[in-house]
N, C-alpha and C. Protein backbone atom coordinates (compact mmCIF):
# COMPACT_ATOMS: atom_id res chain seq x y z
N UNK A 1 132.48 101.35 42.56
CA UNK A 1 131.54 101.33 43.67
C UNK A 1 131.78 102.57 44.53
N UNK A 2 130.71 103.22 44.93
CA UNK A 2 130.82 104.40 45.78
C UNK A 2 130.70 103.99 47.25
N UNK A 3 131.64 104.46 48.04
CA UNK A 3 131.62 104.23 49.48
C UNK A 3 131.35 105.56 50.16
N UNK A 4 130.37 105.59 51.04
CA UNK A 4 129.99 106.85 51.67
C UNK A 4 131.07 107.40 52.61
N UNK A 5 131.92 106.53 53.12
CA UNK A 5 132.96 106.97 54.04
C UNK A 5 134.32 107.13 53.36
N UNK A 6 134.33 107.24 52.02
CA UNK A 6 135.57 107.50 51.28
C UNK A 6 135.30 108.56 50.23
N UNK A 7 136.28 109.45 50.06
CA UNK A 7 136.12 110.45 49.01
C UNK A 7 136.67 109.89 47.69
N UNK A 8 136.70 110.71 46.65
CA UNK A 8 137.12 110.24 45.32
C UNK A 8 138.59 109.82 45.27
N UNK A 9 139.38 110.30 46.23
CA UNK A 9 140.80 109.94 46.30
C UNK A 9 141.04 108.70 47.15
N UNK A 10 139.96 108.11 47.68
CA UNK A 10 140.09 106.93 48.54
C UNK A 10 140.42 107.26 49.98
N UNK A 11 140.27 108.52 50.35
CA UNK A 11 140.55 108.94 51.72
C UNK A 11 139.29 108.81 52.58
N UNK A 12 139.50 108.45 53.82
CA UNK A 12 138.39 108.30 54.77
C UNK A 12 137.75 109.66 55.01
N UNK A 13 136.41 109.67 55.09
CA UNK A 13 135.68 110.89 55.39
C UNK A 13 134.43 110.55 56.19
N UNK A 14 133.98 111.51 56.95
CA UNK A 14 132.70 111.35 57.63
C UNK A 14 131.60 111.79 56.66
N UNK A 15 130.50 111.06 56.65
CA UNK A 15 129.38 111.40 55.79
C UNK A 15 128.84 112.77 56.18
N UNK A 16 128.61 113.62 55.20
CA UNK A 16 128.07 114.95 55.45
C UNK A 16 126.55 114.85 55.51
N UNK A 17 125.99 115.08 56.70
CA UNK A 17 124.54 115.03 56.87
C UNK A 17 123.95 116.44 57.02
N UNK A 18 124.76 117.44 56.71
CA UNK A 18 124.36 118.83 56.90
C UNK A 18 123.07 119.22 56.20
N UNK A 19 122.80 118.67 55.04
CA UNK A 19 121.60 119.05 54.28
C UNK A 19 120.37 118.24 54.67
N UNK A 20 120.55 117.21 55.48
CA UNK A 20 119.41 116.39 55.88
C UNK A 20 118.56 117.12 56.92
N UNK A 21 117.26 116.86 56.92
CA UNK A 21 116.41 117.50 57.93
C UNK A 21 116.53 116.79 59.29
N UNK A 22 116.31 117.54 60.34
CA UNK A 22 116.25 116.97 61.68
C UNK A 22 114.87 116.32 61.83
N UNK A 23 114.84 115.02 62.05
CA UNK A 23 113.58 114.30 62.22
C UNK A 23 113.67 113.34 63.40
N UNK A 24 112.52 112.91 63.84
CA UNK A 24 112.44 111.95 64.95
C UNK A 24 112.92 110.59 64.46
N UNK A 25 113.84 109.96 65.21
CA UNK A 25 114.41 108.67 64.82
C UNK A 25 114.45 107.74 66.02
N UNK A 26 114.23 106.46 65.74
CA UNK A 26 114.30 105.45 66.79
C UNK A 26 115.05 104.23 66.28
N UNK A 27 115.54 103.43 67.19
CA UNK A 27 116.15 102.15 66.85
C UNK A 27 116.00 101.20 68.02
N UNK A 28 115.84 99.92 67.70
CA UNK A 28 115.79 98.86 68.70
C UNK A 28 116.80 97.80 68.32
N UNK A 29 117.49 97.27 69.31
CA UNK A 29 118.47 96.21 69.08
C UNK A 29 118.33 95.16 70.18
N UNK A 30 118.92 93.99 69.91
CA UNK A 30 118.78 92.87 70.82
C UNK A 30 120.04 92.01 70.80
N UNK A 31 120.30 91.36 71.89
CA UNK A 31 121.38 90.39 71.98
C UNK A 31 121.13 89.46 73.14
N UNK A 32 121.83 88.32 73.14
CA UNK A 32 121.64 87.32 74.18
C UNK A 32 122.99 86.88 74.74
N UNK A 33 122.98 86.56 76.03
CA UNK A 33 124.14 85.96 76.65
C UNK A 33 123.69 84.64 77.27
N UNK A 34 124.28 83.57 76.78
CA UNK A 34 123.97 82.23 77.29
C UNK A 34 124.92 81.90 78.42
N UNK A 35 124.40 81.18 79.43
CA UNK A 35 125.21 80.86 80.60
C UNK A 35 124.64 79.65 81.32
N UNK A 36 125.39 79.19 82.30
CA UNK A 36 124.98 78.04 83.10
C UNK A 36 123.77 78.40 83.97
N UNK A 37 122.91 77.42 84.24
CA UNK A 37 121.72 77.69 85.07
C UNK A 37 122.04 78.27 86.44
N UNK A 38 123.14 77.82 87.06
CA UNK A 38 123.47 78.35 88.39
C UNK A 38 123.83 79.84 88.33
N UNK A 39 124.40 80.27 87.22
CA UNK A 39 124.73 81.69 87.05
C UNK A 39 123.45 82.51 86.92
N UNK A 40 122.51 82.03 86.12
CA UNK A 40 121.22 82.71 85.98
C UNK A 40 120.51 82.79 87.32
N UNK A 41 120.57 81.73 88.10
CA UNK A 41 119.92 81.72 89.41
C UNK A 41 120.55 82.76 90.32
N UNK A 42 121.86 82.86 90.31
CA UNK A 42 122.55 83.84 91.15
C UNK A 42 122.23 85.27 90.71
N UNK A 43 122.16 85.49 89.42
CA UNK A 43 121.78 86.82 88.93
C UNK A 43 120.36 87.16 89.36
N UNK A 44 119.45 86.20 89.18
CA UNK A 44 118.04 86.40 89.53
C UNK A 44 117.82 86.67 91.00
N UNK A 45 118.64 86.08 91.85
CA UNK A 45 118.48 86.29 93.30
C UNK A 45 119.43 87.37 93.82
N UNK A 46 120.05 88.09 92.91
CA UNK A 46 120.98 89.17 93.26
C UNK A 46 122.07 88.69 94.21
N UNK A 47 122.66 87.55 93.85
CA UNK A 47 123.67 86.91 94.69
C UNK A 47 125.03 86.85 93.99
N UNK A 48 125.34 87.88 93.22
CA UNK A 48 126.66 87.97 92.57
C UNK A 48 127.51 88.91 93.41
N UNK A 49 128.71 88.49 93.71
CA UNK A 49 129.58 89.24 94.62
C UNK A 49 129.83 90.68 94.17
N UNK A 50 129.89 90.92 92.87
CA UNK A 50 130.19 92.26 92.37
C UNK A 50 129.01 93.22 92.46
N UNK A 51 127.80 92.71 92.75
CA UNK A 51 126.64 93.59 92.90
C UNK A 51 125.49 93.20 92.00
N UNK A 52 124.55 94.10 91.85
CA UNK A 52 123.35 93.86 91.06
C UNK A 52 123.71 93.88 89.57
N UNK A 53 123.74 92.71 88.97
CA UNK A 53 124.23 92.55 87.60
C UNK A 53 123.36 93.30 86.59
N UNK A 54 122.07 93.10 86.65
CA UNK A 54 121.20 93.68 85.63
C UNK A 54 121.11 95.20 85.73
N UNK A 55 121.08 95.74 86.93
CA UNK A 55 121.04 97.20 87.05
C UNK A 55 122.37 97.83 86.65
N UNK A 56 123.46 97.15 86.94
CA UNK A 56 124.77 97.65 86.49
C UNK A 56 124.86 97.58 84.97
N UNK A 57 124.36 96.49 84.38
CA UNK A 57 124.36 96.35 82.92
C UNK A 57 123.46 97.39 82.27
N UNK A 58 122.34 97.69 82.90
CA UNK A 58 121.44 98.72 82.37
C UNK A 58 122.16 100.08 82.33
N UNK A 59 122.80 100.44 83.43
CA UNK A 59 123.51 101.71 83.49
C UNK A 59 124.65 101.76 82.47
N UNK A 60 125.42 100.69 82.37
CA UNK A 60 126.54 100.69 81.41
C UNK A 60 126.04 100.77 79.97
N UNK A 61 124.92 100.13 79.67
CA UNK A 61 124.35 100.19 78.32
C UNK A 61 123.92 101.62 77.98
N UNK A 62 123.26 102.28 78.91
CA UNK A 62 122.84 103.66 78.68
C UNK A 62 124.05 104.56 78.48
N UNK A 63 125.03 104.42 79.35
CA UNK A 63 126.24 105.24 79.25
C UNK A 63 126.96 105.00 77.92
N UNK A 64 127.05 103.75 77.51
CA UNK A 64 127.76 103.41 76.27
C UNK A 64 127.06 103.99 75.06
N UNK A 65 125.72 103.95 75.05
CA UNK A 65 124.99 104.49 73.90
C UNK A 65 125.33 105.96 73.69
N UNK A 66 125.54 106.68 74.78
CA UNK A 66 125.85 108.10 74.69
C UNK A 66 127.29 108.36 74.26
N UNK A 67 128.13 107.32 74.26
CA UNK A 67 129.54 107.44 73.87
C UNK A 67 129.84 106.74 72.55
N UNK A 68 128.83 106.37 71.81
CA UNK A 68 129.04 105.60 70.58
C UNK A 68 130.00 106.27 69.63
N UNK A 69 129.88 107.57 69.45
CA UNK A 69 130.76 108.26 68.49
C UNK A 69 132.21 108.27 68.95
N UNK A 70 132.46 108.03 70.23
CA UNK A 70 133.84 107.91 70.72
C UNK A 70 134.42 106.52 70.42
N UNK A 71 133.55 105.56 70.16
CA UNK A 71 133.97 104.18 69.97
C UNK A 71 134.02 103.74 68.51
N UNK A 72 133.10 104.25 67.70
CA UNK A 72 132.96 103.84 66.30
C UNK A 72 133.48 104.96 65.41
N UNK A 73 134.56 104.70 64.66
CA UNK A 73 135.10 105.75 63.80
C UNK A 73 134.05 106.29 62.83
N UNK A 74 134.03 107.59 62.67
CA UNK A 74 133.19 108.32 61.73
C UNK A 74 131.71 108.36 62.10
N UNK A 75 131.36 107.82 63.25
CA UNK A 75 129.98 107.86 63.72
C UNK A 75 129.68 109.27 64.23
N UNK A 76 128.54 109.83 63.85
CA UNK A 76 128.18 111.18 64.27
C UNK A 76 127.83 111.23 65.74
N UNK A 77 128.17 112.31 66.39
CA UNK A 77 127.80 112.54 67.78
C UNK A 77 126.34 112.96 67.83
N UNK A 78 125.55 112.25 68.62
CA UNK A 78 124.12 112.54 68.71
C UNK A 78 123.71 112.79 70.15
N UNK A 79 122.79 113.72 70.33
CA UNK A 79 122.16 113.91 71.62
C UNK A 79 120.96 112.96 71.67
N UNK A 80 120.94 112.09 72.64
CA UNK A 80 119.88 111.10 72.73
C UNK A 80 118.78 111.58 73.66
N UNK A 81 117.55 111.46 73.20
CA UNK A 81 116.40 111.87 74.01
C UNK A 81 115.98 110.78 75.00
N UNK A 82 116.20 109.53 74.61
CA UNK A 82 115.82 108.42 75.49
C UNK A 82 116.61 107.18 75.13
N UNK A 83 117.02 106.45 76.16
CA UNK A 83 117.63 105.12 75.98
C UNK A 83 116.94 104.19 76.97
N UNK A 84 116.33 103.14 76.44
CA UNK A 84 115.70 102.14 77.29
C UNK A 84 116.44 100.82 77.20
N UNK A 85 116.54 100.12 78.31
CA UNK A 85 117.22 98.82 78.34
C UNK A 85 116.34 97.86 79.13
N UNK A 86 115.98 96.76 78.49
CA UNK A 86 115.14 95.74 79.14
C UNK A 86 115.84 94.39 79.12
N UNK A 87 115.60 93.60 80.15
CA UNK A 87 116.17 92.26 80.26
C UNK A 87 115.05 91.24 80.37
N UNK A 88 115.23 90.11 79.70
CA UNK A 88 114.32 88.99 79.84
C UNK A 88 115.15 87.77 80.22
N UNK A 89 114.79 87.18 81.36
CA UNK A 89 115.48 85.98 81.83
C UNK A 89 114.83 84.76 81.20
N UNK A 90 115.64 83.87 80.65
CA UNK A 90 115.18 82.61 80.08
C UNK A 90 115.89 81.48 80.80
N UNK A 91 115.57 80.24 80.47
CA UNK A 91 116.14 79.09 81.16
C UNK A 91 117.65 78.99 80.98
N UNK A 92 118.17 79.44 79.84
CA UNK A 92 119.61 79.29 79.59
C UNK A 92 120.30 80.57 79.13
N UNK A 93 119.58 81.69 79.15
CA UNK A 93 120.19 82.95 78.71
C UNK A 93 119.42 84.16 79.21
N UNK A 94 120.06 85.30 79.07
CA UNK A 94 119.42 86.59 79.31
C UNK A 94 119.39 87.31 77.98
N UNK A 95 118.23 87.86 77.67
CA UNK A 95 118.07 88.66 76.45
C UNK A 95 118.08 90.13 76.85
N UNK A 96 118.89 90.90 76.13
CA UNK A 96 118.96 92.34 76.34
C UNK A 96 118.34 93.02 75.12
N UNK A 97 117.40 93.92 75.36
CA UNK A 97 116.81 94.70 74.27
C UNK A 97 116.93 96.18 74.61
N UNK A 98 117.43 96.95 73.66
CA UNK A 98 117.58 98.38 73.86
C UNK A 98 116.72 99.14 72.88
N UNK A 99 116.29 100.32 73.29
CA UNK A 99 115.58 101.23 72.40
C UNK A 99 116.17 102.62 72.59
N UNK A 100 116.41 103.29 71.47
CA UNK A 100 117.04 104.61 71.50
C UNK A 100 116.20 105.56 70.66
N UNK A 101 116.10 106.79 71.12
CA UNK A 101 115.27 107.79 70.45
C UNK A 101 115.99 109.14 70.43
N UNK A 102 115.86 109.84 69.32
CA UNK A 102 116.45 111.16 69.19
C UNK A 102 115.75 111.97 68.11
N UNK A 103 116.05 113.23 68.04
CA UNK A 103 115.71 114.09 66.91
C UNK A 103 117.04 114.51 66.30
N UNK A 104 117.32 114.04 65.09
CA UNK A 104 118.64 114.26 64.50
C UNK A 104 118.59 114.13 62.99
N UNK A 105 119.74 114.33 62.37
CA UNK A 105 119.89 114.23 60.92
C UNK A 105 120.35 112.85 60.48
N UNK A 106 120.66 112.00 61.43
CA UNK A 106 121.12 110.64 61.12
C UNK A 106 120.58 109.68 62.17
N UNK A 107 120.58 108.40 61.84
CA UNK A 107 119.93 107.39 62.67
C UNK A 107 120.67 107.01 63.94
N UNK A 108 120.00 106.23 64.78
CA UNK A 108 120.53 105.85 66.09
C UNK A 108 120.73 104.33 66.22
N UNK A 109 120.85 103.63 65.08
CA UNK A 109 121.02 102.18 65.18
C UNK A 109 122.35 101.79 65.82
N UNK A 110 123.41 102.56 65.55
CA UNK A 110 124.70 102.23 66.17
C UNK A 110 124.65 102.43 67.69
N UNK A 111 123.91 103.41 68.13
CA UNK A 111 123.75 103.65 69.57
C UNK A 111 122.98 102.51 70.23
N UNK A 112 121.94 102.01 69.56
CA UNK A 112 121.17 100.89 70.10
C UNK A 112 122.02 99.62 70.16
N UNK A 113 122.79 99.36 69.10
CA UNK A 113 123.65 98.18 69.06
C UNK A 113 124.80 98.28 70.08
N UNK A 114 125.36 99.47 70.23
CA UNK A 114 126.43 99.66 71.22
C UNK A 114 125.90 99.42 72.61
N UNK A 115 124.70 99.90 72.89
CA UNK A 115 124.09 99.67 74.20
C UNK A 115 123.93 98.19 74.48
N UNK A 116 123.45 97.42 73.49
CA UNK A 116 123.30 95.97 73.66
C UNK A 116 124.65 95.33 73.97
N UNK A 117 125.65 95.65 73.15
CA UNK A 117 126.96 95.01 73.32
C UNK A 117 127.57 95.30 74.69
N UNK A 118 127.53 96.54 75.11
CA UNK A 118 128.14 96.89 76.39
C UNK A 118 127.32 96.33 77.56
N UNK A 119 126.00 96.28 77.41
CA UNK A 119 125.19 95.63 78.43
C UNK A 119 125.56 94.16 78.59
N UNK A 120 125.71 93.47 77.46
CA UNK A 120 126.12 92.07 77.48
C UNK A 120 127.51 91.90 78.07
N UNK A 121 128.43 92.76 77.67
CA UNK A 121 129.80 92.69 78.20
C UNK A 121 129.83 92.91 79.71
N UNK A 122 128.97 93.77 80.20
CA UNK A 122 128.92 94.02 81.64
C UNK A 122 128.44 92.79 82.39
N UNK A 123 127.42 92.14 81.86
CA UNK A 123 126.95 90.89 82.47
C UNK A 123 128.09 89.88 82.50
N UNK A 124 128.77 89.74 81.38
CA UNK A 124 129.91 88.81 81.29
C UNK A 124 130.96 89.15 82.34
N UNK A 125 131.34 90.42 82.40
CA UNK A 125 132.39 90.83 83.33
C UNK A 125 132.01 90.55 84.78
N UNK A 126 130.77 90.79 85.12
CA UNK A 126 130.36 90.61 86.51
C UNK A 126 130.20 89.15 86.90
N UNK A 127 130.09 88.25 85.90
CA UNK A 127 129.86 86.83 86.20
C UNK A 127 131.00 85.92 85.76
N UNK A 128 132.04 86.45 85.16
CA UNK A 128 133.09 85.61 84.58
C UNK A 128 133.81 84.76 85.62
N UNK A 129 133.86 85.20 86.86
CA UNK A 129 134.56 84.43 87.90
C UNK A 129 133.82 83.15 88.26
N UNK A 130 132.50 83.08 87.99
CA UNK A 130 131.74 81.88 88.35
C UNK A 130 131.28 81.07 87.15
N UNK A 131 131.48 81.61 85.92
CA UNK A 131 130.96 80.89 84.75
C UNK A 131 131.85 81.15 83.53
N UNK A 132 132.62 80.14 83.16
CA UNK A 132 133.49 80.25 81.99
C UNK A 132 132.78 79.83 80.71
N UNK A 133 131.50 79.46 80.80
CA UNK A 133 130.78 78.96 79.62
C UNK A 133 129.98 80.04 78.90
N UNK A 134 129.96 81.25 79.41
CA UNK A 134 129.10 82.29 78.82
C UNK A 134 129.50 82.59 77.38
N UNK A 135 128.48 82.88 76.56
CA UNK A 135 128.72 83.24 75.16
C UNK A 135 127.62 84.17 74.68
N UNK A 136 127.97 85.00 73.71
CA UNK A 136 127.03 85.96 73.13
C UNK A 136 126.47 85.40 71.84
N UNK A 137 125.20 85.68 71.58
CA UNK A 137 124.55 85.28 70.33
C UNK A 137 123.46 86.27 69.96
N UNK A 138 123.10 86.25 68.69
CA UNK A 138 121.91 86.95 68.22
C UNK A 138 121.94 88.46 68.36
N UNK A 139 123.12 89.06 68.28
CA UNK A 139 123.20 90.51 68.38
C UNK A 139 122.77 91.09 67.05
N UNK A 140 121.69 91.90 67.09
CA UNK A 140 121.13 92.38 65.83
C UNK A 140 120.26 93.61 66.03
N UNK A 141 120.10 94.33 64.94
CA UNK A 141 119.18 95.46 64.91
C UNK A 141 117.78 94.90 64.66
N UNK A 142 116.84 95.26 65.49
CA UNK A 142 115.46 94.79 65.34
C UNK A 142 114.64 95.74 64.48
N UNK A 143 114.90 97.04 64.65
CA UNK A 143 114.06 98.02 63.96
C UNK A 143 114.75 99.38 63.99
N UNK A 144 114.55 100.15 62.93
CA UNK A 144 114.92 101.56 62.96
C UNK A 144 113.85 102.32 62.21
N UNK A 145 113.54 103.50 62.71
CA UNK A 145 112.49 104.31 62.09
C UNK A 145 112.96 105.75 61.98
N UNK A 146 112.33 106.46 61.06
CA UNK A 146 112.47 107.91 61.00
C UNK A 146 111.18 108.46 60.44
N UNK A 147 110.90 109.71 60.78
CA UNK A 147 109.69 110.36 60.27
C UNK A 147 109.85 110.52 58.78
N UNK A 148 109.08 109.78 58.00
CA UNK A 148 109.20 109.80 56.54
C UNK A 148 108.18 110.71 55.87
N UNK A 149 107.34 111.35 56.65
CA UNK A 149 106.28 112.19 56.06
C UNK A 149 106.76 113.61 55.79
N UNK A 150 108.01 113.89 56.12
CA UNK A 150 108.53 115.23 55.89
C UNK A 150 108.16 116.20 57.00
N UNK A 151 107.36 115.74 57.96
CA UNK A 151 106.99 116.58 59.09
C UNK A 151 107.83 116.13 60.28
N UNK A 152 108.60 117.02 60.80
CA UNK A 152 109.43 116.67 61.95
C UNK A 152 108.59 116.66 63.21
N UNK A 153 108.82 115.69 64.06
CA UNK A 153 108.20 115.64 65.38
C UNK A 153 109.05 116.37 66.39
N UNK A 154 110.13 116.95 65.93
CA UNK A 154 111.09 117.58 66.84
C UNK A 154 110.81 119.06 67.01
């Protein structure tokens, strides 16, 4: 079996993307954090002692997406053109959805997933003192695209 991150000697290597064309790429990811109703109410009314939970989580998600290659071994460093972070409040959870866009030789799905995870972790961190029941679920890649027509949008 061939592994892209191992050479013929079984040594770890970064995938060489040098010959790939620079094309427009996007990725969307999603995750959920379930919590007690009183915690959701406090977040919704901006009544958490540590500050505005969702805006702090949005900022941390954006920052984390830009540091993905520092966190995930062998992940390529990418300049991101856009990172979007949206929250949807539900009766028992908050859904975080991220979208990432770049012009590069490799995809941005890891950046979108990293943004989701760190956004969720930030919500957890800011609310852990009032809710020990929080849990993460449904962390997944929703979509990834690249210009497949051979014409770069970059």
